[in-house]
């Protein structure tokens, strides 16, 4: 339906358009020094409808990231898709197409569909 949840770091816009969805960060500080550790961005969509979803990861600097997506079927059996050590550059966008169904035995399907850099596809 084109609704969004999350934050666009380029425009500094936060979206909260998906019912029962949330976006935030979590992290663990160093127990000895108290220095902040790496943060994890979390998007949680409760009871999503069957269909296609699009996730965009927008680079705020050149770095690697990990992406884990978990879906549950109607019996709460999980399925996962992971993308590890993915390189992204400042102002680049990685787009992931997610097919979700809560039918019994369904597996979440995720495909990285394209990368664009500001000003050029």
PDB file of N, CA and C in Angstrom:
ATOM      1  N   UNK A   1       0.823  -1.205   0.000  1.00  0.00           N
ATOM      2  CA  UNK A   1       0.000   0.000   0.000  1.00  0.00           C
ATOM      3  C   UNK A   1       0.858   1.257   0.000  1.00  0.00           C
ATOM      4  N   UNK A   2       2.178   1.076  -0.047  1.00  0.00           N
ATOM      5  CA  UNK A   2       3.056   2.237  -0.115  1.00  0.00           C
ATOM      6  C   UNK A   2       3.325   2.905   1.222  1.00  0.00           C
ATOM      7  N   UNK A   3       2.865   2.308   2.321  1.00  0.00           N
ATOM      8  CA  UNK A   3       3.110   2.896   3.643  1.00  0.00           C
ATOM      9  C   UNK A   3       4.527   2.596   4.088  1.00  0.00           C
ATOM     10  N   UNK A   4       5.071   3.454   4.960  1.00  0.00           N
ATOM     11  CA  UNK A   4       6.469   3.344   5.364  1.00  0.00           C
ATOM     12  C   UNK A   4       6.607   3.358   6.878  1.00  0.00           C
ATOM     13  N   UNK A   5       7.693   2.732   7.333  1.00  0.00           N
ATOM     14  CA  UNK A   5       8.133   2.841   8.721  1.00  0.00           C
ATOM     15  C   UNK A   5       9.649   2.907   8.698  1.00  0.00           C
ATOM     16  N   UNK A   6      10.222   3.769   9.506  1.00  0.00           N
ATOM     17  CA  UNK A   6      11.670   3.902   9.561  1.00  0.00           C
ATOM     18  C   UNK A   6      12.106   5.342   9.447  1.00  0.00           C
ATOM     19  N   UNK A   7      13.363   5.510   9.067  1.00  0.00           N
ATOM     20  CA  UNK A   7      13.950   6.847   8.976  1.00  0.00           C
ATOM     21  C   UNK A   7      14.800   6.952   7.720  1.00  0.00           C
ATOM     22  N   UNK A   8      14.642   8.044   6.994  1.00  0.00           N
ATOM     23  CA  UNK A   8      15.488   8.358   5.846  1.00  0.00           C
ATOM     24  C   UNK A   8      16.575   9.297   6.338  1.00  0.00           C
ATOM     25  N   UNK A   9      17.829   8.816   6.445  1.00  0.00           N
ATOM     26  CA  UNK A   9      18.890   9.661   6.997  1.00  0.00           C
ATOM     27  C   UNK A   9      19.315  10.795   6.070  1.00  0.00           C
ATOM     28  N   UNK A  10      19.014  10.688   4.795  1.00  0.00           N
ATOM     29  CA  UNK A  10      19.391  11.749   3.860  1.00  0.00           C
ATOM     30  C   UNK A  10      18.495  12.966   4.047  1.00  0.00           C
ATOM     31  N   UNK A  11      17.192  12.743   4.205  1.00  0.00           N
ATOM     32  CA  UNK A  11      16.246  13.855   4.392  1.00  0.00           C
ATOM     33  C   UNK A  11      15.896  14.078   5.860  1.00  0.00           C
ATOM     34  N   UNK A  12      16.415  13.205   6.750  1.00  0.00           N
ATOM     35  CA  UNK A  12      16.119  13.246   8.178  1.00  0.00           C
ATOM     36  C   UNK A  12      14.608  13.191   8.439  1.00  0.00           C
ATOM     37  N   UNK A  13      13.930  12.343   7.680  1.00  0.00           N
ATOM     38  CA  UNK A  13      12.488  12.162   7.807  1.00  0.00           C
ATOM     39  C   UNK A  13      12.205  10.822   8.463  1.00  0.00           C
ATOM     40  N   UNK A  14      11.311  10.831   9.451  1.00  0.00           N
ATOM     41  CA  UNK A  14      10.899   9.595  10.110  1.00  0.00           C
ATOM     42  C   UNK A  14       9.490   9.251   9.660  1.00  0.00           C
ATOM     43  N   UNK A  15       9.261   7.962   9.378  1.00  0.00           N
ATOM     44  CA  UNK A  15       7.959   7.492   8.911  1.00  0.00           C
ATOM     45  C   UNK A  15       7.375   6.514   9.926  1.00  0.00           C
ATOM     46  N   UNK A  16       6.069   6.613  10.152  1.00  0.00           N
ATOM     47  CA  UNK A  16       5.365   5.711  11.059  1.00  0.00           C
ATOM     48  C   UNK A  16       3.966   5.455  10.502  1.00  0.00           C
ATOM     49  N   UNK A  17       3.894   4.969   9.266  1.00  0.00           N
ATOM     50  CA  UNK A  17       2.628   4.835   8.551  1.00  0.00           C
ATOM     51  C   UNK A  17       2.026   3.431   8.593  1.00  0.00           C
ATOM     52  N   UNK A  18       2.803   2.420   9.018  1.00  0.00           N
ATOM     53  CA  UNK A  18       2.322   1.035   9.019  1.00  0.00           C
ATOM     54  C   UNK A  18       1.732   0.725  10.388  1.00  0.00           C
ATOM     55  N   UNK A  19       0.452   0.333  10.445  1.00  0.00           N
ATOM     56  CA  UNK A  19      -0.146  -0.009  11.741  1.00  0.00           C
ATOM     57  C   UNK A  19       0.609  -1.154  12.415  1.00  0.00           C
ATOM     58  N   UNK A  20       0.734  -1.078  13.713  1.00  0.00           N
ATOM     59  CA  UNK A  20       1.383  -2.109  14.533  1.00  0.00           C
ATOM     60  C   UNK A  20       2.842  -2.339  14.156  1.00  0.00           C
ATOM     61  N   UNK A  21       3.507  -1.316  13.638  1.00  0.00           N
ATOM     62  CA  UNK A  21       4.923  -1.425  13.273  1.00  0.00           C
ATOM     63  C   UNK A  21       5.717  -0.412  14.086  1.00  0.00           C
ATOM     64  N   UNK A  22       6.981  -0.765  14.338  1.00  0.00           N
ATOM     65  CA  UNK A  22       7.851   0.155  15.066  1.00  0.00           C
ATOM     66  C   UNK A  22       9.246   0.140  14.464  1.00  0.00           C
ATOM     67  N   UNK A  23       9.979   1.208  14.750  1.00  0.00           N
ATOM     68  CA  UNK A  23      11.345   1.357  14.281  1.00  0.00           C
ATOM     69  C   UNK A  23      12.152   1.962  15.417  1.00  0.00           C
ATOM     70  N   UNK A  24      13.308   1.415  15.685  1.00  0.00           N
ATOM     71  CA  UNK A  24      14.161   1.967  16.727  1.00  0.00           C
ATOM     72  C   UNK A  24      15.533   1.351  16.686  1.00  0.00           C
ATOM     73  N   UNK A  25      16.322   1.682  17.681  1.00  0.00           N
ATOM     74  CA  UNK A  25      17.692   1.202  17.774  1.00  0.00           C
ATOM     75  C   UNK A  25      17.902   0.513  19.109  1.00  0.00           C
ATOM     76  N   UNK A  26      18.821  -0.453  19.115  1.00  0.00           N
ATOM     77  CA  UNK A  26      19.261  -1.042  20.370  1.00  0.00           C
ATOM     78  C   UNK A  26      20.752  -1.303  20.260  1.00  0.00           C
ATOM     79  N   UNK A  27      21.412  -1.298  21.392  1.00  0.00           N
ATOM     80  CA  UNK A  27      22.843  -1.531  21.416  1.00  0.00           C
ATOM     81  C   UNK A  27      23.292  -1.846  22.820  1.00  0.00           C
ATOM     82  N   UNK A  28      24.518  -2.301  22.958  1.00  0.00           N
ATOM     83  CA  UNK A  28      25.077  -2.645  24.256  1.00  0.00           C
ATOM     84  C   UNK A  28      26.368  -1.855  24.432  1.00  0.00           C
ATOM     85  N   UNK A  29      26.450  -1.121  25.547  1.00  0.00           N
ATOM     86  CA  UNK A  29      27.664  -0.374  25.856  1.00  0.00           C
ATOM     87  C   UNK A  29      28.735  -1.316  26.389  1.00  0.00           C
ATOM     88  N   UNK A  30      29.995  -0.921  26.224  1.00  0.00           N
ATOM     89  CA  UNK A  30      31.112  -1.689  26.754  1.00  0.00           C
ATOM     90  C   UNK A  30      31.005  -1.746  28.278  1.00  0.00           C
ATOM     91  N   UNK A  31      31.016  -2.942  28.851  1.00  0.00           N
ATOM     92  CA  UNK A  31      30.826  -3.125  30.291  1.00  0.00           C
ATOM     93  C   UNK A  31      31.967  -2.538  31.120  1.00  0.00           C
ATOM     94  N   UNK A  32      33.159  -2.455  30.555  1.00  0.00           N
ATOM     95  CA  UNK A  32      34.309  -1.953  31.301  1.00  0.00           C
ATOM     96  C   UNK A  32      34.440  -0.438  31.163  1.00  0.00           C
ATOM     97  N   UNK A  33      34.473   0.039  29.926  1.00  0.00           N
ATOM     98  CA  UNK A  33      34.725   1.465  29.707  1.00  0.00           C
ATOM     99  C   UNK A  33      33.444   2.306  29.676  1.00  0.00           C
ATOM    100  N   UNK A  34      32.309   1.666  29.412  1.00  0.00           N
ATOM    101  CA  UNK A  34      31.054   2.418  29.281  1.00  0.00           C
ATOM    102  C   UNK A  34      30.877   3.042  27.913  1.00  0.00           C
ATOM    103  N   UNK A  35      31.869   2.842  27.020  1.00  0.00           N
ATOM    104  CA  UNK A  35      31.781   3.409  25.675  1.00  0.00           C
ATOM    105  C   UNK A  35      30.624   2.755  24.911  1.00  0.00           C
ATOM    106  N   UNK A  36      29.926   3.545  24.108  1.00  0.00           N
ATOM    107  CA  UNK A  36      28.815   2.957  23.344  1.00  0.00           C
ATOM    108  C   UNK A  36      29.315   1.930  22.336  1.00  0.00           C
ATOM    109  N   UNK A  37      28.595   0.834  22.226  1.00  0.00           N
ATOM    110  CA  UNK A  37      28.906  -0.195  21.246  1.00  0.00           C
ATOM    111  C   UNK A  37      28.120   0.046  19.972  1.00  0.00           C
ATOM    112  N   UNK A  38      28.230  -0.860  19.023  1.00  0.00           N
ATOM    113  CA  UNK A  38      27.486  -0.692  17.777  1.00  0.00           C
ATOM    114  C   UNK A  38      25.986  -0.740  18.027  1.00  0.00           C
ATOM    115  N   UNK A  39      25.252   0.021  17.233  1.00  0.00           N
ATOM    116  CA  UNK A  39      23.797   0.033  17.331  1.00  0.00           C
ATOM    117  C   UNK A  39      23.188  -0.837  16.242  1.00  0.00           C
ATOM    118  N   UNK A  40      22.056  -1.409  16.571  1.00  0.00           N
ATOM    119  CA  UNK A  40      21.291  -2.208  15.630  1.00  0.00           C
ATOM    120  C   UNK A  40      19.962  -1.512  15.392  1.00  0.00           C
ATOM    121  N   UNK A  41      19.630  -1.300  14.121  1.00  0.00           N
ATOM    122  CA  UNK A  41      18.315  -0.748  13.787  1.00  0.00           C
ATOM    123  C   UNK A  41      17.332  -1.908  13.728  1.00  0.00           C
ATOM    124  N   UNK A  42      16.178  -1.732  14.350  1.00  0.00           N
ATOM    125  CA  UNK A  42      15.163  -2.780  14.420  1.00  0.00           C
ATOM    126  C   UNK A  42      13.868  -2.258  13.811  1.00  0.00           C
ATOM    127  N   UNK A  43      13.341  -2.994  12.836  1.00  0.00           N
ATOM    128  CA  UNK A  43      11.998  -2.723  12.317  1.00  0.00           C
ATOM    129  C   UNK A  43      11.155  -3.938  12.681  1.00  0.00           C
ATOM    130  N   UNK A  44      10.049  -3.693  13.361  1.00  0.00           N
ATOM    131  CA  UNK A  44       9.165  -4.770  13.798  1.00  0.00           C
ATOM    132  C   UNK A  44       7.777  -4.494  13.219  1.00  0.00           C
ATOM    133  N   UNK A  45       7.294  -5.417  12.390  1.00  0.00           N
ATOM    134  CA  UNK A  45       5.942  -5.305  11.815  1.00  0.00           C
ATOM    135  C   UNK A  45       5.133  -6.455  12.386  1.00  0.00           C
ATOM    136  N   UNK A  46       4.178  -6.146  13.245  1.00  0.00           N
ATOM    137  CA  UNK A  46       3.355  -7.172  13.895  1.00  0.00           C
ATOM    138  C   UNK A  46       2.190  -7.566  12.996  1.00  0.00           C
ATOM    139  N   UNK A  47       1.963  -8.869  12.880  1.00  0.00           N
ATOM    140  CA  UNK A  47       0.849  -9.411  12.099  1.00  0.00           C
ATOM    141  C   UNK A  47       0.772  -8.825  10.684  1.00  0.00           C
ATOM    142  N   UNK A  48       1.855  -8.909   9.928  1.00  0.00           N
ATOM    143  CA  UNK A  48       1.836  -8.337   8.578  1.00  0.00           C
ATOM    144  C   UNK A  48       0.903  -9.116   7.650  1.00  0.00           C
ATOM    145  N   UNK A  49       0.344  -8.411   6.695  1.00  0.00           N
ATOM    146  CA  UNK A  49      -0.484  -9.049   5.677  1.00  0.00           C
ATOM    147  C   UNK A  49       0.412  -9.790   4.693  1.00  0.00           C
ATOM    148  N   UNK A  50      -0.110 -10.845   4.109  1.00  0.00           N
ATOM    149  CA  UNK A  50       0.612 -11.559   3.061  1.00  0.00           C
ATOM    150  C   UNK A  50       0.831 -10.601   1.897  1.00  0.00           C
ATOM    151  N   UNK A  51       2.038 -10.626   1.342  1.00  0.00           N
ATOM    152  CA  UNK A  51       2.304  -9.778   0.187  1.00  0.00           C
ATOM    153  C   UNK A  51       3.759  -9.404   0.067  1.00  0.00           C
ATOM    154  N   UNK A  52       3.996  -8.396  -0.762  1.00  0.00           N
ATOM    155  CA  UNK A  52       5.343  -7.929  -1.054  1.00  0.00           C
ATOM    156  C   UNK A  52       5.650  -6.692  -0.213  1.00  0.00           C
ATOM    157  N   UNK A  53       6.850  -6.701   0.346  1.00  0.00           N
ATOM    158  CA  UNK A  53       7.342  -5.565   1.120  1.00  0.00           C
ATOM    159  C   UNK A  53       8.669  -5.135   0.519  1.00  0.00           C
ATOM    160  N   UNK A  54       9.007  -3.861   0.684  1.00  0.00           N
ATOM    161  CA  UNK A  54      10.270  -3.339   0.180  1.00  0.00           C
ATOM    162  C   UNK A  54      11.019  -2.707   1.345  1.00  0.00           C
ATOM    163  N   UNK A  55      12.289  -3.079   1.483  1.00  0.00           N
ATOM    164  CA  UNK A  55      13.154  -2.527   2.520  1.00  0.00           C
ATOM    165  C   UNK A  55      14.303  -1.810   1.838  1.00  0.00           C
ATOM    166  N   UNK A  56      14.555  -0.564   2.252  1.00  0.00           N
ATOM    167  CA  UNK A  56      15.705   0.164   1.735  1.00  0.00           C
ATOM    168  C   UNK A  56      16.687   0.411   2.863  1.00  0.00           C
ATOM    169  N   UNK A  57      17.957   0.114   2.591  1.00  0.00           N
ATOM    170  CA  UNK A  57      19.047   0.430   3.505  1.00  0.00           C
ATOM    171  C   UNK A  57      19.795   1.590   2.866  1.00  0.00           C
ATOM    172  N   UNK A  58      19.912   2.702   3.598  1.00  0.00           N
ATOM    173  CA  UNK A  58      20.529   3.910   3.061  1.00  0.00           C
ATOM    174  C   UNK A  58      21.844   4.148   3.793  1.00  0.00           C
ATOM    175  N   UNK A  59      22.922   4.257   3.037  1.00  0.00           N
ATOM    176  CA  UNK A  59      24.243   4.450   3.618  1.00  0.00           C
ATOM    177  C   UNK A  59      24.448   5.853   4.144  1.00  0.00           C
ATOM    178  N   UNK A  60      24.938   5.948   5.377  1.00  0.00           N
ATOM    179  CA  UNK A  60      25.299   7.243   5.950  1.00  0.00           C
ATOM    180  C   UNK A  60      26.816   7.435   5.941  1.00  0.00           C
ATOM    181  N   UNK A  61      27.532   6.358   5.609  1.00  0.00           N
ATOM    182  CA  UNK A  61      28.987   6.367   5.457  1.00  0.00           C
ATOM    183  C   UNK A  61      29.351   5.091   4.715  1.00  0.00           C
ATOM    184  N   UNK A  62      30.591   4.986   4.274  1.00  0.00           N
ATOM    185  CA  UNK A  62      31.040   3.745   3.650  1.00  0.00           C
ATOM    186  C   UNK A  62      31.352   2.755   4.763  1.00  0.00           C
ATOM    187  N   UNK A  63      30.643   1.639   4.760  1.00  0.00           N
ATOM    188  CA  UNK A  63      30.793   0.643   5.822  1.00  0.00           C
ATOM    189  C   UNK A  63      30.113  -0.651   5.393  1.00  0.00           C
ATOM    190  N   UNK A  64      30.312  -1.692   6.193  1.00  0.00           N
ATOM    191  CA  UNK A  64      29.623  -2.960   5.971  1.00  0.00           C
ATOM    192  C   UNK A  64      28.498  -3.085   6.992  1.00  0.00           C
ATOM    193  N   UNK A  65      27.433  -3.775   6.587  1.00  0.00           N
ATOM    194  CA  UNK A  65      26.336  -4.030   7.508  1.00  0.00           C
ATOM    195  C   UNK A  65      25.854  -5.460   7.331  1.00  0.00           C
ATOM    196  N   UNK A  66      25.152  -5.942   8.345  1.00  0.00           N
ATOM    197  CA  UNK A  66      24.476  -7.238   8.302  1.00  0.00           C
ATOM    198  C   UNK A  66      22.983  -6.969   8.322  1.00  0.00           C
ATOM    199  N   UNK A  67      22.233  -7.776   7.598  1.00  0.00           N
ATOM    200  CA  UNK A  67      20.775  -7.663   7.563  1.00  0.00           C
ATOM    201  C   UNK A  67      20.191  -9.037   7.834  1.00  0.00           C
ATOM    202  N   UNK A  68      19.305  -9.109   8.815  1.00  0.00           N
ATOM    203  CA  UNK A  68      18.603 -10.354   9.125  1.00  0.00           C
ATOM    204  C   UNK A  68      17.108 -10.063   9.088  1.00  0.00           C
ATOM    205  N   UNK A  69      16.373 -10.880   8.358  1.00  0.00           N
ATOM    206  CA  UNK A  69      14.923 -10.739   8.246  1.00  0.00           C
ATOM    207  C   UNK A  69      14.308 -12.054   8.702  1.00  0.00           C
ATOM    208  N   UNK A  70      13.334 -11.963   9.597  1.00  0.00           N
ATOM    209  CA  UNK A  70      12.665 -13.155  10.118  1.00  0.00           C
ATOM    210  C   UNK A  70      11.165 -12.999   9.910  1.00  0.00           C
ATOM    211  N   UNK A  71      10.562 -14.055   9.388  1.00  0.00           N
ATOM    212  CA  UNK A  71       9.107 -14.117   9.242  1.00  0.00           C
ATOM    213  C   UNK A  71       8.591 -15.343   9.962  1.00  0.00           C
ATOM    214  N   UNK A  72       7.332 -15.313  10.331  1.00  0.00           N
ATOM    215  CA  UNK A  72       6.710 -16.441  11.025  1.00  0.00           C
ATOM    216  C   UNK A  72       5.477 -16.894  10.251  1.00  0.00           C
ATOM    217  N   UNK A  73       5.266 -18.213  10.199  1.00  0.00           N
ATOM    218  CA  UNK A  73       4.035 -18.708   9.587  1.00  0.00           C
ATOM    219  C   UNK A  73       2.928 -18.720  10.647  1.00  0.00           C
ATOM    220  N   UNK A  74       1.750 -19.211  10.285  1.00  0.00           N
ATOM    221  CA  UNK A  74       0.589 -19.184  11.175  1.00  0.00           C
ATOM    222  C   UNK A  74       0.773 -20.029  12.430  1.00  0.00           C
ATOM    223  N   UNK A  75       1.741 -20.932  12.424  1.00  0.00           N
ATOM    224  CA  UNK A  75       2.027 -21.742  13.606  1.00  0.00           C
ATOM    225  C   UNK A  75       3.229 -21.214  14.387  1.00  0.00           C
ATOM    226  N   UNK A  76       3.660 -20.008  14.039  1.00  0.00           N
ATOM    227  CA  UNK A  76       4.790 -19.326  14.668  1.00  0.00           C
ATOM    228  C   UNK A  76       6.123 -20.032  14.428  1.00  0.00           C
ATOM    229  N   UNK A  77       6.219 -20.782  13.325  1.00  0.00           N
ATOM    230  CA  UNK A  77       7.495 -21.360  12.920  1.00  0.00           C
ATOM    231  C   UNK A  77       8.251 -20.297  12.130  1.00  0.00           C
ATOM    232  N   UNK A  78       9.485 -19.990  12.536  1.00  0.00           N
ATOM    233  CA  UNK A  78      10.229 -18.916  11.886  1.00  0.00           C
ATOM    234  C   UNK A  78      10.938 -19.354  10.604  1.00  0.00           C
ATOM    235  N   UNK A  79      11.190 -18.395   9.751  1.00  0.00           N
ATOM    236  CA  UNK A  79      12.099 -18.576   8.618  1.00  0.00           C
ATOM    237  C   UNK A  79      12.929 -17.300   8.527  1.00  0.00           C
ATOM    238  N   UNK A  80      14.174 -17.448   8.087  1.00  0.00           N
ATOM    239  CA  UNK A  80      15.105 -16.334   8.101  1.00  0.00           C
ATOM    240  C   UNK A  80      15.781 -16.150   6.748  1.00  0.00           C
ATOM    241  N   UNK A  81      16.165 -14.922   6.497  1.00  0.00           N
ATOM    242  CA  UNK A  81      17.031 -14.584   5.367  1.00  0.00           C
ATOM    243  C   UNK A  81      18.103 -13.648   5.919  1.00  0.00           C
ATOM    244  N   UNK A  82      19.357 -13.922   5.586  1.00  0.00           N
ATOM    245  CA  UNK A  82      20.459 -13.109   6.085  1.00  0.00           C
ATOM    246  C   UNK A  82      21.353 -12.650   4.945  1.00  0.00           C
ATOM    247  N   UNK A  83      21.832 -11.434   5.076  1.00  0.00           N
ATOM    248  CA  UNK A  83      22.807 -10.851   4.169  1.00  0.00           C
ATOM    249  C   UNK A  83      23.909 -10.306   5.071  1.00  0.00           C
ATOM    250  N   UNK A  84      25.111 -10.883   4.990  1.00  0.00           N
ATOM    251  CA  UNK A  84      26.183 -10.551   5.918  1.00  0.00           C
ATOM    252  C   UNK A  84      27.325  -9.827   5.223  1.00  0.00           C
ATOM    253  N   UNK A  85      27.936  -8.901   5.946  1.00  0.00           N
ATOM    254  CA  UNK A  85      29.094  -8.143   5.455  1.00  0.00           C
ATOM    255  C   UNK A  85      28.821  -7.466   4.115  1.00  0.00           C
ATOM    256  N   UNK A  86      27.679  -6.807   4.006  1.00  0.00           N
ATOM    257  CA  UNK A  86      27.296  -6.112   2.775  1.00  0.00           C
ATOM    258  C   UNK A  86      27.918  -4.715   2.786  1.00  0.00           C
ATOM    259  N   UNK A  87      28.659  -4.388   1.745  1.00  0.00           N
ATOM    260  CA  UNK A  87      29.293  -3.072   1.643  1.00  0.00           C
ATOM    261  C   UNK A  87      28.296  -2.063   1.095  1.00  0.00           C
ATOM    262  N   UNK A  88      28.235  -0.904   1.740  1.00  0.00           N
ATOM    263  CA  UNK A  88      27.398   0.199   1.266  1.00  0.00           C
ATOM    264  C   UNK A  88      28.216   1.474   1.364  1.00  0.00           C
ATOM    265  N   UNK A  89      27.910   2.438   0.501  1.00  0.00           N
ATOM    266  CA  UNK A  89      28.622   3.711   0.489  1.00  0.00           C
ATOM    267  C   UNK A  89      27.680   4.839   0.865  1.00  0.00           C
ATOM    268  N   UNK A  90      28.256   5.936   1.299  1.00  0.00           N
ATOM    269  CA  UNK A  90      27.473   7.098   1.718  1.00  0.00           C
ATOM    270  C   UNK A  90      26.467   7.484   0.632  1.00  0.00           C
ATOM    271  N   UNK A  91      25.222   7.655   1.040  1.00  0.00           N
ATOM    272  CA  UNK A  91      24.091   8.050   0.200  1.00  0.00           C
ATOM    273  C   UNK A  91      23.705   7.014  -0.852  1.00  0.00           C
ATOM    274  N   UNK A  92      24.243   5.794  -0.753  1.00  0.00           N
ATOM    275  CA  UNK A  92      23.782   4.699  -1.613  1.00  0.00           C
ATOM    276  C   UNK A  92      22.556   4.064  -0.975  1.00  0.00           C
ATOM    277  N   UNK A  93      21.738   3.437  -1.808  1.00  0.00           N
ATOM    278  CA  UNK A  93      20.557   2.737  -1.313  1.00  0.00           C
ATOM    279  C   UNK A  93      20.594   1.302  -1.806  1.00  0.00           C
ATOM    280  N   UNK A  94      20.402   0.364  -0.897  1.00  0.00           N
ATOM    281  CA  UNK A  94      20.219  -1.037  -1.247  1.00  0.00           C
ATOM    282  C   UNK A  94      18.746  -1.338  -1.043  1.00  0.00           C
ATOM    283  N   UNK A  95      18.126  -1.930  -2.036  1.00  0.00           N
ATOM    284  CA  UNK A  95      16.698  -2.229  -1.983  1.00  0.00           C
ATOM    285  C   UNK A  95      16.509  -3.738  -1.943  1.00  0.00           C
ATOM    286  N   UNK A  96      15.710  -4.186  -0.979  1.00  0.00           N
ATOM    287  CA  UNK A  96      15.404  -5.602  -0.801  1.00  0.00           C
ATOM    288  C   UNK A  96      13.915  -5.822  -1.019  1.00  0.00           C
ATOM    289  N   UNK A  97      13.588  -6.797  -1.839  1.00  0.00           N
ATOM    290  CA  UNK A  97      12.202  -7.182  -2.088  1.00  0.00           C
ATOM    291  C   UNK A  97      11.894  -8.393  -1.218  1.00  0.00           C
ATOM    292  N   UNK A  98      10.850  -8.289  -0.407  1.00  0.00           N
ATOM    293  CA  UNK A  98      10.501  -9.331   0.555  1.00  0.00           C
ATOM    294  C   UNK A  98       9.115  -9.868   0.224  1.00  0.00           C
ATOM    295  N   UNK A  99       9.022 -11.169  -0.009  1.00  0.00           N
ATOM    296  CA  UNK A  99       7.727 -11.843  -0.202  1.00  0.00           C
ATOM    297  C   UNK A  99       7.389 -12.556   1.094  1.00  0.00           C
ATOM    298  N   UNK A 100       6.242 -12.188   1.684  1.00  0.00           N
ATOM    299  CA  UNK A 100       5.861 -12.755   2.969  1.00  0.00           C
ATOM    300  C   UNK A 100       4.487 -13.400   2.892  1.00  0.00           C
ATOM    301  N   UNK A 101       4.368 -14.549   3.538  1.00  0.00           N
ATOM    302  CA  UNK A 101       3.083 -15.220   3.718  1.00  0.00           C
ATOM    303  C   UNK A 101       3.100 -15.893   5.084  1.00  0.00           C
ATOM    304  N   UNK A 102       1.951 -15.888   5.757  1.00  0.00           N
ATOM    305  CA  UNK A 102       1.885 -16.594   7.029  1.00  0.00           C
ATOM    306  C   UNK A 102       1.246 -17.978   6.873  1.00  0.00           C
ATOM    307  N   UNK A 103       1.088 -18.453   5.640  1.00  0.00           N
ATOM    308  CA  UNK A 103       0.573 -19.801   5.417  1.00  0.00           C
ATOM    309  C   UNK A 103       1.503 -20.816   6.079  1.00  0.00           C
ATOM    310  N   UNK A 104       0.925 -21.914   6.549  1.00  0.00           N
ATOM    311  CA  UNK A 104       1.695 -22.957   7.225  1.00  0.00           C
ATOM    312  C   UNK A 104       2.858 -23.418   6.335  1.00  0.00           C
ATOM    313  N   UNK A 105       4.046 -23.426   6.910  1.00  0.00           N
ATOM    314  CA  UNK A 105       5.235 -23.877   6.191  1.00  0.00           C
ATOM    315  C   UNK A 105       5.863 -22.853   5.269  1.00  0.00           C
ATOM    316  N   UNK A 106       5.306 -21.652   5.189  1.00  0.00           N
ATOM    317  CA  UNK A 106       5.858 -20.620   4.295  1.00  0.00           C
ATOM    318  C   UNK A 106       7.228 -20.162   4.778  1.00  0.00           C
ATOM    319  N   UNK A 107       8.064 -19.827   3.817  1.00  0.00           N
ATOM    320  CA  UNK A 107       9.391 -19.295   4.092  1.00  0.00           C
ATOM    321  C   UNK A 107       9.451 -17.864   3.576  1.00  0.00           C
ATOM    322  N   UNK A 108      10.019 -16.974   4.363  1.00  0.00           N
ATOM    323  CA  UNK A 108      10.194 -15.603   3.902  1.00  0.00           C
ATOM    324  C   UNK A 108      11.216 -15.620   2.761  1.00  0.00           C
ATOM    325  N   UNK A 109      10.915 -14.911   1.680  1.00  0.00           N
ATOM    326  CA  UNK A 109      11.812 -14.847   0.518  1.00  0.00           C
ATOM    327  C   UNK A 109      12.280 -13.416   0.349  1.00  0.00           C
ATOM    328  N   UNK A 110      13.610 -13.237   0.279  1.00  0.00           N
ATOM    329  CA  UNK A 110      14.190 -11.898   0.187  1.00  0.00           C
ATOM    330  C   UNK A 110      15.203 -11.871  -0.944  1.00  0.00           C
ATOM    331  N   UNK A 111      15.114 -10.842  -1.776  1.00  0.00           N
ATOM    332  CA  UNK A 111      16.054 -10.663  -2.880  1.00  0.00           C
ATOM    333  C   UNK A 111      16.544  -9.218  -2.865  1.00  0.00           C
ATOM    334  N   UNK A 112      17.882  -9.039  -2.912  1.00  0.00           N
ATOM    335  CA  UNK A 112      18.417  -7.695  -3.064  1.00  0.00           C
ATOM    336  C   UNK A 112      18.198  -7.327  -4.524  1.00  0.00           C
ATOM    337  N   UNK A 113      17.354  -6.322  -4.760  1.00  0.00           N
ATOM    338  CA  UNK A 113      16.917  -6.049  -6.119  1.00  0.00           C
ATOM    339  C   UNK A 113      17.777  -5.041  -6.858  1.00  0.00           C
ATOM    340  N   UNK A 114      18.349  -4.056  -6.159  1.00  0.00           N
ATOM    341  CA  UNK A 114      19.188  -3.083  -6.862  1.00  0.00           C
ATOM    342  C   UNK A 114      19.933  -2.206  -5.881  1.00  0.00           C
ATOM    343  N   UNK A 115      20.972  -1.538  -6.396  1.00  0.00           N
ATOM    344  CA  UNK A 115      21.699  -0.536  -5.628  1.00  0.00           C
ATOM    345  C   UNK A 115      21.697   0.734  -6.452  1.00  0.00           C
ATOM    346  N   UNK A 116      21.405   1.837  -5.795  1.00  0.00           N
ATOM    347  CA  UNK A 116      21.468   3.130  -6.477  1.00  0.00           C
ATOM    348  C   UNK A 116      22.343   4.063  -5.664  1.00  0.00           C
ATOM    349  N   UNK A 117      22.979   4.963  -6.358  1.00  0.00           N
ATOM    350  CA  UNK A 117      23.790   5.992  -5.718  1.00  0.00           C
ATOM    351  C   UNK A 117      23.160   7.327  -6.051  1.00  0.00           C
ATOM    352  N   UNK A 118      23.179   8.229  -5.106  1.00  0.00           N
ATOM    353  CA  UNK A 118      22.552   9.534  -5.298  1.00  0.00           C
ATOM    354  C   UNK A 118      22.924  10.129  -6.648  1.00  0.00           C
ATOM    355  N   UNK A 119      21.896  10.446  -7.401  1.00  0.00           N
ATOM    356  CA  UNK A 119      22.098  11.067  -8.708  1.00  0.00           C
ATOM    357  C   UNK A 119      22.252  10.096  -9.863  1.00  0.00           C
ATOM    358  N   UNK A 120      22.396   8.782  -9.595  1.00  0.00           N
ATOM    359  CA  UNK A 120      22.518   7.824 -10.691  1.00  0.00           C
ATOM    360  C   UNK A 120      22.024   6.453 -10.227  1.00  0.00           C
ATOM    361  N   UNK A 121      21.394   5.681 -11.120  1.00  0.00           N
ATOM    362  CA  UNK A 121      20.886   4.359 -10.737  1.00  0.00           C
ATOM    363  C   UNK A 121      22.008   3.365 -10.546  1.00  0.00           C
TER     364      UNK A 121
END
